[in-house]
N, C-alpha and C. Protein backbone atom coordinates (compact mmCIF):
# COMPACT_ATOMS: atom_id res chain seq x y z
N MET A 1 0.36 56.40 103.66
CA MET A 1 0.54 57.93 103.79
C MET A 1 1.75 58.30 104.35
N ASP A 2 2.31 57.78 105.27
CA ASP A 2 3.63 58.24 105.60
C ASP A 2 4.61 58.42 104.67
N ALA A 3 4.57 57.47 103.43
CA ALA A 3 5.69 57.42 102.33
C ALA A 3 5.21 58.82 101.82
N PHE A 4 3.98 59.23 101.64
CA PHE A 4 3.58 60.30 100.68
C PHE A 4 4.17 61.58 101.51
N MET A 5 3.95 61.36 102.90
CA MET A 5 4.34 62.73 103.66
C MET A 5 5.47 62.84 103.63
N GLU A 6 6.60 61.76 103.80
CA GLU A 6 7.80 61.90 103.42
C GLU A 6 8.51 62.43 102.52
N GLU A 7 7.73 61.99 101.10
CA GLU A 7 8.21 62.28 100.00
C GLU A 7 8.12 63.95 99.92
N LEU A 8 6.78 64.44 100.40
CA LEU A 8 6.29 65.78 100.62
C LEU A 8 7.39 66.47 101.44
N ALA A 9 7.92 65.93 102.44
CA ALA A 9 8.85 67.06 102.99
C ALA A 9 10.24 66.97 102.40
N GLY A 10 10.78 65.87 101.74
CA GLY A 10 11.51 65.87 101.01
C GLY A 10 11.64 67.02 99.89
N ASP A 11 10.65 66.95 99.17
CA ASP A 11 10.18 68.18 98.16
C ASP A 11 10.45 69.25 98.85
N GLU A 12 9.74 69.75 99.89
CA GLU A 12 9.62 71.06 100.50
C GLU A 12 11.18 71.59 100.87
N MET A 13 11.92 70.41 101.27
CA MET A 13 13.22 70.68 101.59
C MET A 13 14.20 70.96 100.51
N ARG A 14 13.93 70.60 99.54
CA ARG A 14 14.49 70.90 98.15
C ARG A 14 14.09 72.20 97.44
N ARG A 15 13.01 73.03 97.94
CA ARG A 15 12.60 74.10 97.51
C ARG A 15 13.53 75.27 97.44
N ILE A 16 13.95 76.16 96.46
CA ILE A 16 14.80 76.92 96.66
C ILE A 16 14.07 78.13 96.08
N LYS A 17 14.56 79.35 96.69
CA LYS A 17 13.61 80.49 96.24
C LYS A 17 15.08 81.24 95.53
N CYS A 18 14.65 81.67 94.27
CA CYS A 18 15.85 82.14 92.98
C CYS A 18 15.02 83.34 92.54
N LEU A 19 16.13 84.19 92.16
CA LEU A 19 15.90 85.63 91.70
C LEU A 19 16.64 85.49 90.47
N PRO A 20 16.64 84.93 89.36
CA PRO A 20 17.53 84.96 88.27
C PRO A 20 17.59 86.60 87.61
N LYS A 21 19.17 86.65 87.71
CA LYS A 21 19.13 88.14 86.69
C LYS A 21 20.47 88.08 85.84
N PRO A 22 20.14 87.47 84.65
CA PRO A 22 21.19 87.45 83.91
C PRO A 22 21.91 88.47 83.30
N ALA A 23 21.33 89.87 83.58
CA ALA A 23 22.05 90.83 83.07
C ALA A 23 23.27 90.95 84.23
N ARG A 24 23.17 90.62 85.42
CA ARG A 24 24.18 90.61 86.25
C ARG A 24 25.17 89.49 86.06
N TRP A 25 24.76 88.54 85.78
CA TRP A 25 25.67 87.47 85.13
C TRP A 25 26.51 87.97 84.01
N ALA A 26 25.85 88.68 83.03
CA ALA A 26 27.02 89.03 81.95
C ALA A 26 27.82 90.17 82.59
N ASP A 27 27.14 91.11 83.16
CA ASP A 27 28.29 92.24 83.58
C ASP A 27 29.27 91.61 84.26
N PHE A 28 29.18 90.71 85.25
CA PHE A 28 30.41 89.94 86.11
C PHE A 28 31.18 89.28 84.98
N SER A 29 30.45 88.26 84.09
CA SER A 29 31.49 87.74 83.06
C SER A 29 32.40 88.50 82.18
N ALA A 30 31.69 89.83 81.95
CA ALA A 30 32.44 90.94 81.00
C ALA A 30 33.73 91.39 81.91
N LYS A 31 33.60 91.54 83.16
CA LYS A 31 34.38 92.41 84.02
C LYS A 31 35.33 91.47 84.60
N ARG A 32 35.30 90.19 84.96
CA ARG A 32 35.97 89.36 85.51
C ARG A 32 36.37 88.14 84.50
N LYS A 33 37.45 87.80 84.26
CA LYS A 33 37.85 86.62 83.28
C LYS A 33 38.38 85.52 84.42
N LEU A 34 37.44 84.69 85.05
CA LEU A 34 38.06 83.75 85.86
C LEU A 34 37.85 82.55 85.26
N ASP A 35 38.54 81.43 85.37
CA ASP A 35 38.63 80.07 84.74
C ASP A 35 38.09 79.18 85.53
N TRP A 36 36.69 78.92 85.64
CA TRP A 36 36.12 77.93 86.56
C TRP A 36 36.37 76.58 85.75
N LYS A 37 36.51 75.84 86.76
CA LYS A 37 36.53 74.29 86.48
C LYS A 37 35.22 73.54 87.50
N HIS A 38 34.73 72.40 87.25
CA HIS A 38 34.13 71.74 88.19
C HIS A 38 34.46 70.40 88.42
N ILE A 39 33.76 69.77 89.57
CA ILE A 39 33.84 68.54 89.98
C ILE A 39 32.48 67.97 90.66
N GLU A 40 32.30 66.77 90.83
CA GLU A 40 31.03 66.38 91.75
C GLU A 40 31.68 66.53 93.01
N PHE A 41 30.73 67.00 93.89
CA PHE A 41 31.11 66.91 95.18
C PHE A 41 31.12 65.72 95.86
N ASN A 42 32.17 65.08 96.31
CA ASN A 42 32.36 63.47 97.07
C ASN A 42 33.80 63.79 97.25
N LYS A 43 33.99 62.56 98.34
CA LYS A 43 35.46 62.53 98.97
C LYS A 43 36.47 62.07 97.86
N ALA A 44 35.85 61.27 96.93
CA ALA A 44 36.74 60.72 95.86
C ALA A 44 37.48 61.77 94.85
N ASN A 45 36.80 62.76 95.03
CA ASN A 45 37.31 64.00 94.32
C ASN A 45 38.23 65.06 94.94
N HIS A 46 38.21 65.05 96.28
CA HIS A 46 39.17 65.61 97.04
C HIS A 46 40.49 65.98 96.53
N PRO A 47 41.13 64.71 96.15
CA PRO A 47 42.60 64.96 95.73
C PRO A 47 43.00 65.85 94.56
N VAL A 48 41.79 65.95 93.52
CA VAL A 48 42.10 66.70 92.60
C VAL A 48 41.85 68.11 92.73
N VAL A 49 41.56 68.80 93.87
CA VAL A 49 41.17 70.00 94.09
C VAL A 49 42.66 70.71 94.36
N PRO A 50 42.71 71.79 93.71
CA PRO A 50 44.13 72.46 93.65
C PRO A 50 44.31 73.18 95.09
N GLU A 51 45.61 73.11 95.36
CA GLU A 51 46.31 73.66 96.43
C GLU A 51 46.40 75.10 96.44
N GLU A 52 45.58 76.23 96.00
CA GLU A 52 45.66 77.29 95.71
C GLU A 52 44.59 77.97 96.33
N PRO A 53 44.40 79.19 96.83
CA PRO A 53 43.56 80.17 97.11
C PRO A 53 42.67 80.52 96.06
N GLY A 54 41.26 80.69 96.07
CA GLY A 54 40.16 80.87 95.19
C GLY A 54 39.06 81.16 95.57
N PHE A 55 38.13 81.07 94.58
CA PHE A 55 36.66 81.09 94.98
C PHE A 55 36.10 79.75 94.61
N TYR A 56 34.83 79.58 95.31
CA TYR A 56 34.28 78.40 94.95
C TYR A 56 32.74 78.48 94.76
N CYS A 57 31.97 77.52 94.04
CA CYS A 57 30.56 77.68 94.29
C CYS A 57 29.75 76.22 94.23
N PHE A 58 29.31 76.32 95.16
CA PHE A 58 28.22 74.95 95.34
C PHE A 58 27.12 75.22 94.20
N VAL A 59 26.80 74.18 93.19
CA VAL A 59 25.82 74.22 92.21
C VAL A 59 25.04 72.92 92.49
N VAL A 60 23.71 72.88 92.51
CA VAL A 60 22.67 71.58 92.33
C VAL A 60 22.90 71.37 90.87
N GLY A 61 23.07 70.31 90.27
CA GLY A 61 23.03 70.02 89.00
C GLY A 61 23.89 68.88 88.55
N LEU A 62 23.53 68.47 87.21
CA LEU A 62 24.08 66.95 87.11
C LEU A 62 24.59 67.09 85.63
N PRO A 63 25.87 66.64 85.83
CA PRO A 63 26.69 66.87 84.52
C PRO A 63 26.20 65.76 83.60
N GLY A 64 26.73 65.78 82.20
CA GLY A 64 26.48 64.63 81.34
C GLY A 64 25.25 63.84 81.36
N THR A 65 24.19 64.75 81.32
CA THR A 65 22.81 64.19 80.91
C THR A 65 22.57 64.73 79.51
N SER A 66 21.48 64.03 78.95
CA SER A 66 20.97 64.27 77.68
C SER A 66 20.27 65.61 77.74
N LEU A 67 20.05 66.16 78.69
CA LEU A 67 19.43 67.62 78.55
C LEU A 67 20.52 68.77 78.47
N PRO A 68 20.19 69.91 78.20
CA PRO A 68 20.95 71.06 78.14
C PRO A 68 21.74 71.18 79.66
N PRO A 69 22.45 72.01 79.66
CA PRO A 69 23.16 72.08 81.15
C PRO A 69 21.97 72.75 81.85
N ILE A 70 22.00 72.07 83.16
CA ILE A 70 21.11 72.70 84.16
C ILE A 70 21.93 72.76 85.54
N GLY A 71 21.74 73.80 86.22
CA GLY A 71 22.29 73.85 87.49
C GLY A 71 21.79 75.08 88.17
N TYR A 72 21.93 75.21 89.57
CA TYR A 72 21.52 76.42 90.22
C TYR A 72 22.55 76.57 91.37
N PRO A 73 23.02 77.81 91.18
CA PRO A 73 24.04 78.17 92.41
C PRO A 73 23.44 78.31 93.78
N LEU A 74 24.15 77.48 94.75
CA LEU A 74 23.43 77.54 96.15
C LEU A 74 24.39 78.08 96.92
N TYR A 75 25.62 78.24 96.97
CA TYR A 75 26.76 78.93 97.90
C TYR A 75 27.69 79.32 97.39
N VAL A 76 28.09 80.35 97.55
CA VAL A 76 29.45 81.13 96.90
C VAL A 76 30.25 81.50 98.17
N GLY A 77 31.54 81.01 97.86
CA GLY A 77 32.53 81.39 99.12
C GLY A 77 34.05 81.67 98.45
N LYS A 78 34.80 82.02 99.18
CA LYS A 78 36.33 82.14 98.84
C LYS A 78 37.18 81.58 100.07
N THR A 79 38.40 81.32 99.56
CA THR A 79 39.19 80.75 100.55
C THR A 79 40.58 81.45 100.51
N GLU A 80 41.35 82.11 101.44
CA GLU A 80 42.77 82.58 101.24
C GLU A 80 43.63 81.61 101.62
N ARG A 81 42.85 80.55 102.02
CA ARG A 81 44.01 79.23 102.43
C ARG A 81 44.27 78.44 101.11
N THR A 82 43.74 77.34 101.09
CA THR A 82 43.53 76.62 99.81
C THR A 82 42.40 75.92 99.32
N LEU A 83 42.00 75.84 98.36
CA LEU A 83 40.39 75.18 97.62
C LEU A 83 40.41 73.83 98.26
N LYS A 84 41.69 73.22 98.32
CA LYS A 84 41.62 71.72 98.92
C LYS A 84 41.08 71.56 100.53
N LYS A 85 41.72 72.64 101.18
CA LYS A 85 41.56 72.61 102.63
C LYS A 85 40.17 72.97 102.47
N ARG A 86 39.62 73.89 101.80
CA ARG A 86 38.11 74.27 102.19
C ARG A 86 36.96 73.04 101.63
N PHE A 87 37.36 72.47 100.63
CA PHE A 87 36.60 71.38 100.21
C PHE A 87 36.53 70.38 101.19
N GLY A 88 37.75 70.01 101.77
CA GLY A 88 37.82 68.91 102.92
C GLY A 88 37.02 69.11 104.10
N GLU A 89 37.03 70.76 104.39
CA GLU A 89 36.08 71.14 105.53
C GLU A 89 34.78 71.12 105.23
N TYR A 90 34.38 71.20 104.10
CA TYR A 90 32.76 70.87 103.67
C TYR A 90 32.62 69.50 103.78
N LEU A 91 33.50 68.32 103.47
CA LEU A 91 33.28 67.22 103.45
C LEU A 91 33.09 66.93 104.99
N ARG A 92 33.87 67.62 106.00
CA ARG A 92 33.82 67.16 107.52
C ARG A 92 32.73 67.55 107.97
N GLU A 93 32.29 68.87 107.55
CA GLU A 93 31.12 69.64 108.05
C GLU A 93 29.69 68.92 107.63
N GLU A 94 29.66 68.22 106.40
CA GLU A 94 28.44 67.40 105.90
C GLU A 94 28.08 66.42 107.02
N ASN A 95 29.35 65.80 107.61
CA ASN A 95 28.64 64.38 108.30
C ASN A 95 28.84 65.10 110.14
N SER A 96 29.05 66.14 110.23
CA SER A 96 29.46 66.72 111.68
C SER A 96 28.19 67.01 112.38
N ALA A 97 28.19 66.71 113.82
CA ALA A 97 27.13 66.95 114.54
C ALA A 97 27.14 68.61 114.75
N ARG A 98 28.23 69.38 114.80
CA ARG A 98 28.14 70.68 114.77
C ARG A 98 28.04 70.93 113.11
N GLY A 99 28.42 72.33 113.13
CA GLY A 99 28.73 73.34 111.85
C GLY A 99 27.40 73.95 111.66
N ARG A 100 27.42 74.74 110.47
CA ARG A 100 26.27 75.75 110.12
C ARG A 100 25.13 74.96 109.58
N ILE A 101 23.87 75.23 110.10
CA ILE A 101 22.84 74.47 109.79
C ILE A 101 22.38 74.77 108.11
N ARG A 102 22.52 76.11 107.64
CA ARG A 102 22.23 76.32 106.47
C ARG A 102 23.09 75.61 105.44
N ILE A 103 24.57 75.19 105.71
CA ILE A 103 25.26 74.53 104.94
C ILE A 103 25.12 73.04 104.97
N LYS A 104 24.80 72.65 106.23
CA LYS A 104 24.53 71.16 106.16
C LYS A 104 23.32 70.82 105.70
N LYS A 105 22.27 71.63 105.45
CA LYS A 105 21.43 71.43 104.89
C LYS A 105 21.29 71.06 103.40
N PHE A 106 22.11 72.18 102.69
CA PHE A 106 22.41 71.84 101.26
C PHE A 106 23.14 70.71 100.99
N LEU A 107 23.98 70.36 101.91
CA LEU A 107 24.87 69.29 101.72
C LEU A 107 24.01 67.86 101.86
N LYS A 108 23.16 67.89 102.69
CA LYS A 108 22.53 66.73 102.96
C LYS A 108 21.33 66.55 101.83
N VAL A 109 20.55 67.85 101.88
CA VAL A 109 19.54 67.56 100.97
C VAL A 109 19.64 67.22 99.43
N PHE A 110 20.97 67.74 98.91
CA PHE A 110 21.38 67.67 97.50
C PHE A 110 22.61 66.76 97.18
N LYS A 111 22.77 65.56 98.31
CA LYS A 111 23.76 64.97 98.22
C LYS A 111 24.04 64.08 96.97
N GLY A 112 24.98 63.93 96.49
CA GLY A 112 25.14 63.20 95.25
C GLY A 112 24.67 63.89 93.90
N GLU A 113 24.21 65.33 94.13
CA GLU A 113 23.60 66.12 92.95
C GLU A 113 24.56 67.40 93.06
N LEU A 114 25.44 67.52 93.84
CA LEU A 114 26.17 68.85 93.94
C LEU A 114 27.40 68.80 93.18
N LEU A 115 27.69 69.71 92.36
CA LEU A 115 29.09 70.45 91.85
C LEU A 115 29.89 71.21 92.62
N PHE A 116 31.22 71.12 92.50
CA PHE A 116 31.77 72.10 93.15
C PHE A 116 32.57 72.71 92.17
N PHE A 117 32.04 74.04 91.87
CA PHE A 117 33.20 74.98 90.90
C PHE A 117 33.95 75.75 91.50
N TYR A 118 35.03 75.81 91.02
CA TYR A 118 36.32 76.50 91.51
C TYR A 118 36.93 77.29 90.46
N THR A 119 37.67 78.30 91.11
CA THR A 119 38.56 78.73 90.37
C THR A 119 39.79 79.53 91.24
N ASP A 120 41.27 79.12 90.76
CA ASP A 120 42.18 79.90 91.69
C ASP A 120 42.41 81.16 91.57
N PHE A 121 42.71 81.92 92.43
CA PHE A 121 42.69 83.15 92.47
C PHE A 121 43.63 83.88 93.62
N GLN A 122 44.83 84.41 93.24
CA GLN A 122 45.47 85.22 94.09
C GLN A 122 45.72 86.60 94.13
N GLY A 123 45.32 87.24 94.81
CA GLY A 123 45.18 89.22 94.96
C GLY A 123 45.31 89.53 96.39
N THR A 124 45.05 90.78 96.53
CA THR A 124 44.99 91.27 98.04
C THR A 124 43.84 90.89 98.47
N SER A 125 43.65 91.11 99.80
CA SER A 125 42.32 91.05 100.49
C SER A 125 41.40 91.73 99.99
N ALA A 126 41.49 93.03 99.57
CA ALA A 126 40.64 94.10 99.02
C ALA A 126 40.09 93.61 98.11
N GLU A 127 40.99 92.92 97.09
CA GLU A 127 40.52 92.55 95.57
C GLU A 127 39.70 91.08 95.73
N VAL A 128 40.01 90.38 96.49
CA VAL A 128 39.21 88.90 96.71
C VAL A 128 37.76 89.47 97.26
N LYS A 129 37.70 90.45 98.37
CA LYS A 129 36.37 90.74 98.87
C LYS A 129 35.60 91.36 97.86
N GLU A 130 36.34 92.07 97.09
CA GLU A 130 35.44 92.97 96.10
C GLU A 130 34.91 91.70 95.02
N ILE A 131 35.81 90.80 94.77
CA ILE A 131 35.13 89.95 93.68
C ILE A 131 34.26 89.21 94.45
N GLU A 132 34.41 88.37 95.66
CA GLU A 132 33.35 87.83 96.27
C GLU A 132 31.97 88.56 96.21
N THR A 133 31.85 89.80 96.71
CA THR A 133 30.58 90.47 96.87
C THR A 133 30.27 90.46 95.24
N GLU A 134 31.06 90.76 94.41
CA GLU A 134 30.40 91.06 93.00
C GLU A 134 29.87 89.30 92.45
N LEU A 135 30.49 88.41 93.05
CA LEU A 135 29.92 87.13 92.74
C LEU A 135 28.67 86.57 93.41
N HIS A 136 28.28 87.31 94.64
CA HIS A 136 27.61 86.85 95.46
C HIS A 136 26.19 87.81 94.71
N ASP A 137 26.39 89.37 94.27
CA ASP A 137 25.57 89.96 93.77
C ASP A 137 25.02 89.48 92.39
N ALA A 138 26.10 88.53 91.65
CA ALA A 138 25.66 88.28 90.17
C ALA A 138 24.81 87.02 90.49
N LEU A 139 25.34 86.02 91.07
CA LEU A 139 24.62 84.73 91.54
C LEU A 139 23.35 84.65 92.51
N MET A 140 23.47 85.71 93.63
CA MET A 140 22.39 85.85 94.61
C MET A 140 22.10 84.19 95.10
N PRO A 141 23.03 83.57 95.75
CA PRO A 141 22.89 82.15 95.78
C PRO A 141 22.02 82.12 97.35
N PRO A 142 21.00 81.20 97.29
CA PRO A 142 20.16 81.30 98.27
C PRO A 142 20.65 80.78 99.69
N TYR A 143 21.75 79.92 99.75
CA TYR A 143 22.12 79.55 101.08
C TYR A 143 23.61 80.48 101.45
N SER A 144 23.91 81.50 100.72
CA SER A 144 24.94 82.27 101.31
C SER A 144 24.01 83.42 102.07
N ASP A 145 24.54 83.81 103.15
CA ASP A 145 23.80 84.82 103.92
C ASP A 145 24.53 86.11 104.21
N VAL A 146 25.79 85.95 103.55
CA VAL A 146 26.67 87.16 104.12
C VAL A 146 27.48 87.53 102.68
N GLY A 147 28.03 88.76 102.32
CA GLY A 147 29.20 89.07 101.26
C GLY A 147 28.25 89.74 100.33
N PHE A 148 26.91 90.00 100.13
CA PHE A 148 26.17 90.96 99.41
C PHE A 148 26.58 92.42 99.31
N SER A 149 26.56 93.17 98.49
CA SER A 149 26.45 94.50 98.58
C SER A 149 25.21 95.38 99.22
N ALA A 150 25.29 96.50 99.68
CA ALA A 150 24.16 96.70 100.21
C ALA A 150 23.10 97.17 99.38
N GLU A 151 23.40 97.26 98.00
CA GLU A 151 22.33 97.43 97.04
C GLU A 151 21.47 96.11 96.85
N VAL A 152 22.41 95.00 97.06
CA VAL A 152 21.44 93.91 96.64
C VAL A 152 21.01 93.18 98.00
N ARG A 153 21.69 93.48 99.06
CA ARG A 153 21.49 92.72 100.49
C ARG A 153 19.87 93.05 100.92
N GLU A 154 19.35 94.20 100.80
CA GLU A 154 18.20 94.86 101.24
C GLU A 154 17.07 94.07 100.35
N PRO A 155 16.84 94.29 99.23
CA PRO A 155 15.87 93.50 98.38
C PRO A 155 15.92 92.20 98.45
N ARG A 156 17.24 91.62 98.33
CA ARG A 156 17.30 90.10 98.86
C ARG A 156 16.51 89.37 99.87
N GLY A 157 17.14 90.54 100.97
CA GLY A 157 16.36 89.88 102.15
C GLY A 157 14.67 90.11 102.30
N ALA A 158 14.26 90.92 101.59
CA ALA A 158 12.86 90.91 101.43
C ALA A 158 12.28 89.74 100.86
N PHE A 159 13.05 89.46 99.78
CA PHE A 159 12.98 88.25 98.98
C PHE A 159 12.94 87.09 99.67
N GLN A 160 13.89 86.71 100.38
CA GLN A 160 14.15 85.59 101.23
C GLN A 160 13.10 85.41 102.20
């Protein structure tokens, strides 16, 4: 019975509330032409992350399967330092006794199943903030708790 309960608890930890809005995805893609790349989130891939500022998104999914592409965005962020530094901070946070609970949860629950999508971007602080808000509103990542427009924040809060 203990194994059953542990498996059930593990499955409950993996539960994600989602609210897909393909029209928002299409609107963002039409407005912003960002060149996204992705790697598996693990220490071995840290050296390939660019030393440029930009945006990133953690997606639970597995590349290279015999299924159509499957993935769900969990968390969206920006860095005005470098993507490489930010990637390294997440690697450290994953194993730290301190840190943000929400972040540590998805890093641990989906360990080995996370993709790190990134795109370099250099712009003014206002441009970066605008795009970050648009990304949050388009993807509605469940582990992001800030960065949404007022239009999306209120209904999303009721959904979460």
